[in-house]
Amino acid sequence: MICTIYSHHLGLEKIKEIFLSHVPQGNFSSNNDVLEFEIKGGILSPSKKITIFYRERAEPSYKIPEVDDSELTANLKGLYGFVNSLPAENEEIKGLFLHKIQTLNSEFSISQDKGEVKELKAIIKNLAKEFDAVLFVQPKTIISKSESQHFLDKDLNLIIDAEGRCEIEELKVNINSEYFDNDQTELDEDQIERKAKNEEILERENIKINKHLPCVESERETTIRSAKEIAERVSVLAVTNLVAFNSISSEEAVDYLQNYKLWESVTEGEKEFLANPTEDKKMYETWKCEGIWTLMWALKKVDAIDFPNEFCDLGNISSENYPVGHDKNPLEFINAVHEVRSKKEILDAADLYYRYNWACVDERINGRQIENINPGIVYERQYALNWLIHYMDQDWDNVTCDT
């Protein structure tokens, strides 16, 4: 097999048209979803054959359905998990790619089974453009860009490979408004109201709005993290944050976490940081203040998340309400009775920060810097909010902030 092409769009007939536009003497035969494209040989030339296996969603959409036992949906979920597990030298492109995977509605693989069709590279390039596709490509083929399995964009440039390499600076995620509009009938009332309310907020704040951006999940579909789970997570974050700001050493942090039986709650990423807290890693970790603030807001320890143009100040949280400190037992905070904000409040914030982040990414991929909000603050807060709502059932280290 040369590649598998994935697209938001449907179009078995369009595939046939593109093949025949390049090789008009070819003939198609089909058996259910399997197409065979054959070019008859002559006295001195052998026949050539390409096999195309095509399948599509029964109901096209802009998101992977939660309940659907079709093979294509299972494949897309597996594809999402595989890409999410890859390292990435460009996290922004990886995030956009993960979002694009959720919008895919069709899949077709191409194999050159007999002979060599010299037009095939041009055909694949045409298909990729026409379908605004992403391609899963094997190494050592006519379109390969890596020595390992990898993904290409519609221009056959490298999105990501097994080593995380990337050759592109932008990746468009386009949604067919017809599919979006069809799904509106399936939205719960709280989703529709939330989207409208948050778009009004963006309009007042003079922030660009994407009318076709989907809603976050409904209150009916969402399970918020428990109070104890949030308290435990924010306690660990608070300790690693002290290391990031050079308030304590990494050795002290590890001893503290182990003494209070919290080491099992430390993620692999956090353990790597504590094992080697370089200055660059410390700088990155300082941004987690925004995640701490967001989780403390969820536990009603702070009143508001506030507009994302200024950094939060953890010093504004009283020591009585903060989980860690000198000679302080974090288990008292973790095991205390906390009230978690309602699904509505948390989903309202998650949906709003989803839209903030889209505006930030849109500016960035168009070579501009958004002026009235801070993209880093937006990202960290959306990260924490997505974790709170179990977005894609991702654990803390693997939360994605799709746009």
Protein backbone atom coordinates (compact mmCIF):
# COMPACT_ATOMS: atom_id res chain seq x y z
CA MET A 1 0.00 0.00 0.00
CA ILE A 2 1.22 3.50 -0.86
CA CYS A 3 -0.99 5.60 1.38
CA THR A 4 -4.36 6.08 3.04
CA ILE A 5 -6.10 9.37 2.32
CA TYR A 6 -8.43 10.91 4.90
CA SER A 7 -10.85 13.73 4.23
CA HIS A 8 -13.66 15.76 5.76
CA HIS A 9 -15.41 15.44 2.39
CA LEU A 10 -17.13 12.49 0.73
CA GLY A 11 -16.75 11.56 -2.90
CA LEU A 12 -16.37 8.14 -4.46
CA GLU A 13 -17.37 9.53 -7.85
CA LYS A 14 -14.89 12.38 -7.48
CA ILE A 15 -12.09 9.82 -7.02
CA LYS A 16 -13.09 8.15 -10.29
CA GLU A 17 -13.19 11.49 -12.09
CA ILE A 18 -9.67 12.42 -10.96
CA PHE A 19 -8.20 9.06 -11.97
CA LEU A 20 -9.81 9.22 -15.40
CA SER A 21 -8.73 12.83 -15.94
CA HIS A 22 -5.11 11.65 -15.69
CA VAL A 23 -5.51 8.25 -17.36
CA PRO A 24 -8.57 8.40 -19.65
CA GLN A 25 -7.86 4.93 -21.10
CA GLY A 26 -8.27 3.31 -17.68
CA ASN A 27 -11.35 1.39 -16.58
CA PHE A 28 -13.01 1.02 -13.18
CA SER A 29 -14.66 -2.08 -11.78
CA SER A 30 -16.11 -2.25 -8.29
CA ASN A 31 -17.05 -4.75 -5.65
CA ASN A 32 -18.87 -2.96 -2.83
CA ASP A 33 -16.34 -0.42 -1.47
CA VAL A 34 -13.37 -1.84 -3.39
CA LEU A 35 -12.50 -0.15 -6.67
CA GLU A 36 -10.08 -1.58 -9.18
CA PHE A 37 -8.60 0.77 -11.76
CA GLU A 38 -7.04 -1.14 -14.65
CA ILE A 39 -5.08 0.02 -17.64
CA LYS A 40 -5.11 -2.69 -20.29
CA GLY A 41 -1.74 -3.58 -21.76
CA GLY A 42 -0.80 -4.18 -25.37
CA ILE A 43 1.47 -6.58 -27.16
CA LEU A 44 4.61 -5.02 -25.68
CA SER A 45 3.22 -3.52 -22.45
CA PRO A 46 1.68 -5.37 -19.49
CA SER A 47 -1.58 -4.41 -17.84
CA LYS A 48 -1.47 -2.18 -14.76
CA LYS A 49 -3.83 -2.19 -11.80
CA ILE A 50 -4.49 0.06 -8.81
CA THR A 51 -6.82 -0.95 -5.97
CA ILE A 52 -8.73 1.63 -3.94
CA PHE A 53 -10.59 0.72 -0.76
CA TYR A 54 -13.10 3.45 0.15
CA ARG A 55 -15.38 3.96 3.15
CA GLU A 56 -17.24 6.91 4.65
CA ARG A 57 -19.36 7.85 7.63
CA ALA A 58 -23.07 7.15 7.32
CA GLU A 59 -23.73 10.59 8.83
CA PRO A 60 -20.98 13.13 8.01
CA SER A 61 -20.09 15.44 10.89
CA TYR A 62 -17.37 17.68 12.27
CA LYS A 63 -16.56 15.45 15.25
CA ILE A 64 -15.99 11.78 16.01
CA PRO A 65 -19.22 10.37 17.47
CA GLU A 66 -19.03 9.06 21.03
CA VAL A 67 -21.34 6.12 20.31
CA ASP A 68 -20.69 4.47 16.96
CA ASP A 69 -19.38 0.95 16.44
CA SER A 70 -18.48 1.38 12.75
CA GLU A 71 -15.00 0.33 11.61
CA LEU A 72 -14.23 3.81 10.30
CA THR A 73 -15.07 5.49 13.61
CA ALA A 74 -12.97 2.93 15.49
CA ASN A 75 -10.12 3.61 13.07
CA LEU A 76 -10.38 7.38 13.54
CA LYS A 77 -10.31 7.00 17.32
CA GLY A 78 -7.24 4.81 16.98
CA LEU A 79 -5.67 7.32 14.60
CA TYR A 80 -6.29 10.13 17.10
CA GLY A 81 -4.67 8.12 19.89
CA PHE A 82 -1.68 7.21 17.71
CA VAL A 83 -1.00 10.81 16.66
CA ASN A 84 -1.53 12.03 20.22
CA SER A 85 1.19 9.62 21.40
CA LEU A 86 3.79 10.92 18.93
CA PRO A 87 6.51 13.37 19.98
CA ALA A 88 6.27 16.73 18.24
CA GLU A 89 8.76 19.46 17.42
CA ASN A 90 5.75 21.65 16.57
CA GLU A 91 3.05 21.20 19.23
CA GLU A 92 0.77 23.74 17.57
CA ILE A 93 0.65 21.79 14.29
CA LYS A 94 0.13 18.54 16.20
CA GLY A 95 -2.83 20.12 18.01
CA LEU A 96 -4.35 21.32 14.74
CA PHE A 97 -3.82 17.89 13.22
CA LEU A 98 -5.60 16.23 16.15
CA HIS A 99 -8.52 18.58 15.63
CA LYS A 100 -8.55 17.83 11.90
CA ILE A 101 -8.70 14.09 12.62
CA GLN A 102 -11.96 14.66 14.49
CA THR A 103 -13.51 16.21 11.37
CA LEU A 104 -12.66 13.32 9.00
CA ASN A 105 -15.58 11.65 7.22
CA SER A 106 -14.00 9.45 4.55
CA GLU A 107 -10.99 7.20 4.12
CA PHE A 108 -9.53 5.58 1.03
CA SER A 109 -6.35 3.57 0.62
CA ILE A 110 -4.40 3.29 -2.61
CA SER A 111 -2.32 0.24 -3.59
CA GLN A 112 -0.41 -0.28 -6.82
CA ASP A 113 -0.98 -3.99 -7.37
CA LYS A 114 0.28 -4.60 -10.89
CA GLY A 115 2.76 -2.64 -12.97
CA GLU A 116 3.79 0.97 -12.42
CA VAL A 117 1.38 3.77 -13.27
CA LYS A 118 3.61 6.77 -14.00
CA GLU A 119 0.73 9.20 -13.44
CA LEU A 120 0.00 7.90 -9.93
CA LYS A 121 1.99 10.56 -8.03
CA ALA A 122 0.15 13.32 -9.92
CA ILE A 123 -3.17 11.55 -9.23
CA ILE A 124 -2.47 11.36 -5.48
CA LYS A 125 -1.41 15.00 -5.44
CA ASN A 126 -4.65 15.96 -7.21
CA LEU A 127 -6.74 13.85 -4.81
CA ALA A 128 -5.04 15.40 -1.78
CA LYS A 129 -5.75 18.93 -3.03
CA GLU A 130 -9.31 18.24 -4.11
CA PHE A 131 -10.25 16.55 -0.83
CA ASP A 132 -8.29 18.94 1.45
CA ALA A 133 -6.89 15.68 2.75
CA VAL A 134 -4.32 14.33 5.17
CA LEU A 135 -2.39 11.25 4.08
CA PHE A 136 -0.96 8.37 6.11
CA VAL A 137 2.07 7.29 4.12
CA GLN A 138 4.41 4.33 4.25
CA PRO A 139 8.17 4.85 3.87
CA LYS A 140 9.89 4.32 0.51
CA THR A 141 6.92 5.12 -1.72
CA ILE A 142 6.59 7.64 -4.55
CA ILE A 143 5.35 10.34 -2.14
CA SER A 144 7.31 9.46 1.04
CA LYS A 145 8.90 12.22 3.12
CA SER A 146 10.25 10.11 5.98
CA GLU A 147 12.00 6.83 6.73
CA SER A 148 9.15 5.85 9.07
CA GLN A 149 5.36 5.92 8.77
CA HIS A 150 4.23 9.53 8.55
CA PHE A 151 1.47 11.99 7.70
CA LEU A 152 1.36 14.51 4.85
CA ASP A 153 -0.91 17.49 4.25
CA LYS A 154 -2.85 18.32 1.08
CA ASP A 155 0.35 19.67 -0.51
CA LEU A 156 2.21 16.44 0.33
CA ASN A 157 4.34 18.17 2.95
CA LEU A 158 5.25 16.45 6.21
CA ILE A 159 2.84 17.06 9.11
CA ILE A 160 4.48 14.65 11.56
CA ASP A 161 6.43 11.41 11.60
CA ALA A 162 7.43 8.91 14.29
CA GLU A 163 10.26 11.18 15.43
CA GLY A 164 7.98 14.21 15.63
CA ARG A 165 9.52 16.03 12.67
CA CYS A 166 7.36 18.62 10.90
CA GLU A 167 7.86 20.61 7.68
CA ILE A 168 4.83 22.89 7.75
CA GLU A 169 3.97 26.08 9.62
CA GLU A 170 0.18 25.98 9.26
CA LEU A 171 -2.59 23.43 8.86
CA LYS A 172 -6.11 24.52 8.02
CA VAL A 173 -9.07 22.79 9.64
CA ASN A 174 -12.08 23.47 7.44
CA ILE A 175 -15.60 22.31 8.27
CA ASN A 176 -18.43 21.86 5.79
CA SER A 177 -21.14 24.16 7.17
CA GLU A 178 -23.79 21.74 5.88
CA TYR A 179 -22.52 19.04 8.25
CA PHE A 180 -22.36 21.52 11.11
CA ASP A 181 -25.86 22.83 10.47
CA ASN A 182 -27.23 19.29 10.28
CA ASP A 183 -25.78 18.55 13.68
CA GLN A 184 -27.42 21.59 15.23
CA THR A 185 -30.63 19.61 15.64
CA GLU A 186 -28.70 17.18 17.84
CA LEU A 187 -27.35 19.87 20.16
CA ASP A 188 -28.77 20.23 23.65
CA GLU A 189 -30.32 23.56 24.59
CA ASP A 190 -27.51 24.38 27.03
CA GLN A 191 -24.92 23.99 24.23
CA ILE A 192 -26.77 26.36 21.92
CA GLU A 193 -27.25 28.94 24.68
CA ARG A 194 -23.62 28.65 25.79
CA LYS A 195 -22.27 29.16 22.28
CA ALA A 196 -24.49 32.21 21.71
CA LYS A 197 -23.58 33.74 25.07
CA ASN A 198 -19.85 33.27 24.55
CA GLU A 199 -19.98 34.67 21.03
CA GLU A 200 -21.61 37.78 22.51
CA ILE A 201 -18.71 38.01 24.97
CA LEU A 202 -16.17 37.73 22.16
CA GLU A 203 -17.99 40.38 20.16
CA ARG A 204 -17.90 42.80 23.11
CA GLU A 205 -14.20 42.09 23.58
CA ASN A 206 -13.52 42.62 19.86
CA ILE A 207 -12.12 39.11 19.42
CA LYS A 208 -12.59 37.27 16.13
CA ILE A 209 -15.46 34.76 16.08
CA ASN A 210 -15.64 31.50 14.14
CA LYS A 211 -19.37 30.88 13.72
CA HIS A 212 -18.72 27.30 12.59
CA LEU A 213 -16.66 26.36 15.63
CA PRO A 214 -18.51 23.47 17.35
CA CYS A 215 -19.83 23.53 20.89
CA VAL A 216 -18.20 21.77 23.79
CA GLU A 217 -20.10 18.79 25.17
CA SER A 218 -23.46 19.28 26.84
CA GLU A 219 -24.12 19.14 30.57
CA ARG A 220 -25.92 15.86 29.98
CA GLU A 221 -22.83 14.30 28.38
CA THR A 222 -20.22 15.71 30.78
CA THR A 223 -18.77 14.35 33.99
CA ILE A 224 -16.70 16.84 35.99
CA ARG A 225 -13.67 15.64 37.95
CA SER A 226 -14.40 14.98 41.61
CA ALA A 227 -13.43 17.45 44.33
CA LYS A 228 -10.79 15.09 45.71
CA GLU A 229 -9.33 14.46 42.25
CA ILE A 230 -9.07 18.22 41.60
CA ALA A 231 -7.59 18.86 45.05
CA GLU A 232 -4.97 16.13 44.55
CA ARG A 233 -4.01 17.41 41.10
CA VAL A 234 -3.70 21.03 42.22
CA SER A 235 -1.59 19.95 45.21
CA VAL A 236 0.96 18.21 42.98
CA LEU A 237 0.97 21.18 40.58
CA ALA A 238 1.57 23.54 43.48
CA VAL A 239 4.67 21.58 44.54
CA THR A 240 6.20 21.46 41.05
CA ASN A 241 5.39 25.15 40.72
CA LEU A 242 7.54 25.89 43.79
CA VAL A 243 10.45 24.19 42.03
CA ALA A 244 9.79 26.18 38.84
CA PHE A 245 10.09 29.43 40.82
CA ASN A 246 13.19 28.22 42.73
CA SER A 247 11.33 28.33 46.07
CA ILE A 248 12.39 24.75 46.83
CA SER A 249 14.78 22.27 45.21
CA SER A 250 13.57 19.33 43.18
CA GLU A 251 14.96 17.00 45.86
CA GLU A 252 12.87 18.74 48.50
CA ALA A 253 9.82 18.47 46.26
CA VAL A 254 10.31 14.74 45.71
CA ASP A 255 10.79 14.14 49.45
CA TYR A 256 7.65 16.16 50.22
CA LEU A 257 5.53 14.29 47.67
CA GLN A 258 6.82 10.90 48.80
CA ASN A 259 6.43 11.67 52.52
CA TYR A 260 2.77 12.50 52.01
CA LYS A 261 2.12 9.50 49.73
CA LEU A 262 1.48 11.68 46.67
CA TRP A 263 4.21 10.29 44.42
CA GLU A 264 1.75 8.00 42.61
CA SER A 265 -0.26 11.10 41.69
CA VAL A 266 2.74 12.73 40.03
CA THR A 267 2.60 12.31 36.24
CA GLU A 268 5.44 10.93 34.16
CA GLY A 269 6.01 14.39 32.71
CA GLU A 270 6.25 15.90 36.18
CA LYS A 271 8.64 13.18 37.31
CA GLU A 272 10.89 13.93 34.34
CA PHE A 273 10.84 17.62 35.25
CA LEU A 274 11.72 16.95 38.88
CA ALA A 275 14.52 14.59 37.82
CA ASN A 276 16.12 17.27 35.65
CA PRO A 277 14.67 20.76 36.26
CA THR A 278 16.64 22.77 33.70
CA GLU A 279 16.10 26.50 33.42
CA ASP A 280 14.11 26.03 30.19
CA LYS A 281 11.85 23.45 31.84
CA LYS A 282 11.39 25.71 34.86
CA MET A 283 10.32 28.56 32.60
CA TYR A 284 7.76 26.28 30.94
CA GLU A 285 6.48 25.06 34.31
CA THR A 286 5.93 28.61 35.61
CA TRP A 287 3.02 28.86 33.17
CA LYS A 288 1.22 26.19 35.19
CA CYS A 289 0.24 28.99 37.61
CA GLU A 290 -2.70 29.56 35.28
CA GLY A 291 -3.73 25.92 35.56
CA ILE A 292 -3.47 26.06 39.35
CA TRP A 293 -5.59 29.22 39.41
CA THR A 294 -8.20 27.59 37.15
CA LEU A 295 -8.44 24.46 39.30
CA MET A 296 -8.65 26.57 42.47
CA TRP A 297 -11.49 28.49 40.80
CA ALA A 298 -13.22 25.16 40.13
CA LEU A 299 -12.93 24.41 43.87
CA LYS A 300 -14.35 27.87 44.68
CA LYS A 301 -11.13 29.00 46.35
CA VAL A 302 -10.93 32.00 44.01
CA ASP A 303 -13.88 34.00 42.78
CA ALA A 304 -13.11 34.40 39.08
CA ILE A 305 -10.74 33.28 36.34
CA ASP A 306 -10.66 36.86 34.97
CA PHE A 307 -9.96 38.16 31.48
CA PRO A 308 -6.85 36.45 29.98
CA ASN A 309 -4.70 39.51 29.43
CA GLU A 310 -2.83 39.52 32.75
CA PHE A 311 -1.13 36.71 34.63
CA CYS A 312 -2.78 35.40 37.76
CA ASP A 313 -1.11 35.95 41.14
CA LEU A 314 -1.15 32.85 43.34
CA GLY A 315 -0.17 35.11 46.21
CA ASN A 316 -3.74 36.37 46.21
CA ILE A 317 -4.94 32.97 47.42
CA SER A 318 -4.94 32.84 51.21
CA SER A 319 -2.58 30.35 52.85
CA GLU A 320 -5.60 28.73 54.52
CA ASN A 321 -7.03 27.91 51.09
CA TYR A 322 -3.73 26.87 49.46
CA PRO A 323 -2.86 23.15 49.44
CA VAL A 324 0.86 23.26 50.24
CA GLY A 325 3.27 25.33 52.27
CA HIS A 326 5.94 25.25 54.95
CA ASP A 327 5.17 22.39 57.39
CA LYS A 328 1.74 22.02 55.79
CA ASN A 329 0.17 18.61 55.23
CA PRO A 330 -1.41 18.59 51.73
CA LEU A 331 -3.60 15.64 52.71
CA GLU A 332 -5.63 17.95 54.92
CA PHE A 333 -6.50 19.99 51.82
CA ILE A 334 -7.08 16.91 49.66
CA ASN A 335 -9.36 15.19 52.18
CA ALA A 336 -11.29 18.31 53.14
CA VAL A 337 -14.85 18.79 51.93
CA HIS A 338 -14.72 21.05 48.87
CA GLU A 339 -17.57 22.31 46.74
CA VAL A 340 -16.99 22.05 43.01
CA ARG A 341 -18.51 24.61 40.66
CA SER A 342 -21.48 23.47 38.62
CA LYS A 343 -21.24 21.78 35.25
CA LYS A 344 -22.74 24.91 33.72
CA GLU A 345 -20.05 27.22 35.14
CA ILE A 346 -17.18 24.94 34.12
CA LEU A 347 -18.58 24.22 30.65
CA ASP A 348 -19.27 27.93 30.09
CA ALA A 349 -15.60 28.62 30.81
CA ALA A 350 -14.37 25.66 28.72
CA ASP A 351 -16.42 26.76 25.72
CA LEU A 352 -15.28 30.39 26.06
CA TYR A 353 -11.59 29.45 26.29
CA TYR A 354 -12.01 27.10 23.33
CA ARG A 355 -13.14 30.13 21.31
CA TYR A 356 -10.39 32.35 22.75
CA ASN A 357 -7.80 29.77 21.73
CA TRP A 358 -9.20 29.50 18.21
CA ALA A 359 -8.80 33.28 17.82
CA CYS A 360 -5.20 33.07 19.11
CA VAL A 361 -4.28 30.23 16.74
CA ASP A 362 -6.01 31.93 13.80
CA GLU A 363 -3.91 35.05 14.32
CA ARG A 364 -0.71 33.05 14.70
CA ILE A 365 -1.11 30.93 11.55
CA ASN A 366 -1.82 34.12 9.63
CA GLY A 367 1.45 35.64 10.81
CA ARG A 368 -0.05 38.03 13.36
CA GLN A 369 0.06 38.39 17.14
CA ILE A 370 -3.29 38.74 18.88
CA GLU A 371 -3.27 41.98 20.86
CA ASN A 372 -5.90 42.04 23.57
CA ILE A 373 -5.40 38.58 25.14
CA ASN A 374 -2.35 36.50 26.04
CA PRO A 375 -2.23 33.22 24.04
CA GLY A 376 -0.12 31.47 26.70
CA ILE A 377 -2.58 32.29 29.46
CA VAL A 378 -5.48 31.17 27.25
CA TYR A 379 -3.77 27.86 26.47
CA GLU A 380 -2.95 26.97 30.08
CA ARG A 381 -6.45 27.79 31.28
CA GLN A 382 -8.08 25.82 28.46
CA TYR A 383 -5.72 22.93 29.28
CA ALA A 384 -6.97 22.81 32.89
CA LEU A 385 -10.61 23.24 31.84
CA ASN A 386 -10.35 20.40 29.31
CA TRP A 387 -8.93 18.17 32.03
CA LEU A 388 -11.80 19.15 34.34
CA ILE A 389 -14.44 18.09 31.79
CA HIS A 390 -12.68 14.81 30.84
CA TYR A 391 -12.08 16.08 27.29
CA MET A 392 -11.35 13.02 25.10
CA ASP A 393 -10.76 11.14 28.41
CA GLN A 394 -7.17 12.41 28.38
CA ASP A 395 -4.92 12.27 31.44
CA TRP A 396 -3.08 15.40 32.62
CA ASP A 397 0.10 14.92 30.58
CA ASN A 398 -1.84 14.33 27.36
CA VAL A 399 -4.54 16.99 27.42
CA THR A 400 -4.97 18.64 24.03
CA CYS A 401 -6.29 22.14 23.37
CA ASP A 402 -7.83 21.63 19.96
CA THR A 403 -9.15 24.53 17.94
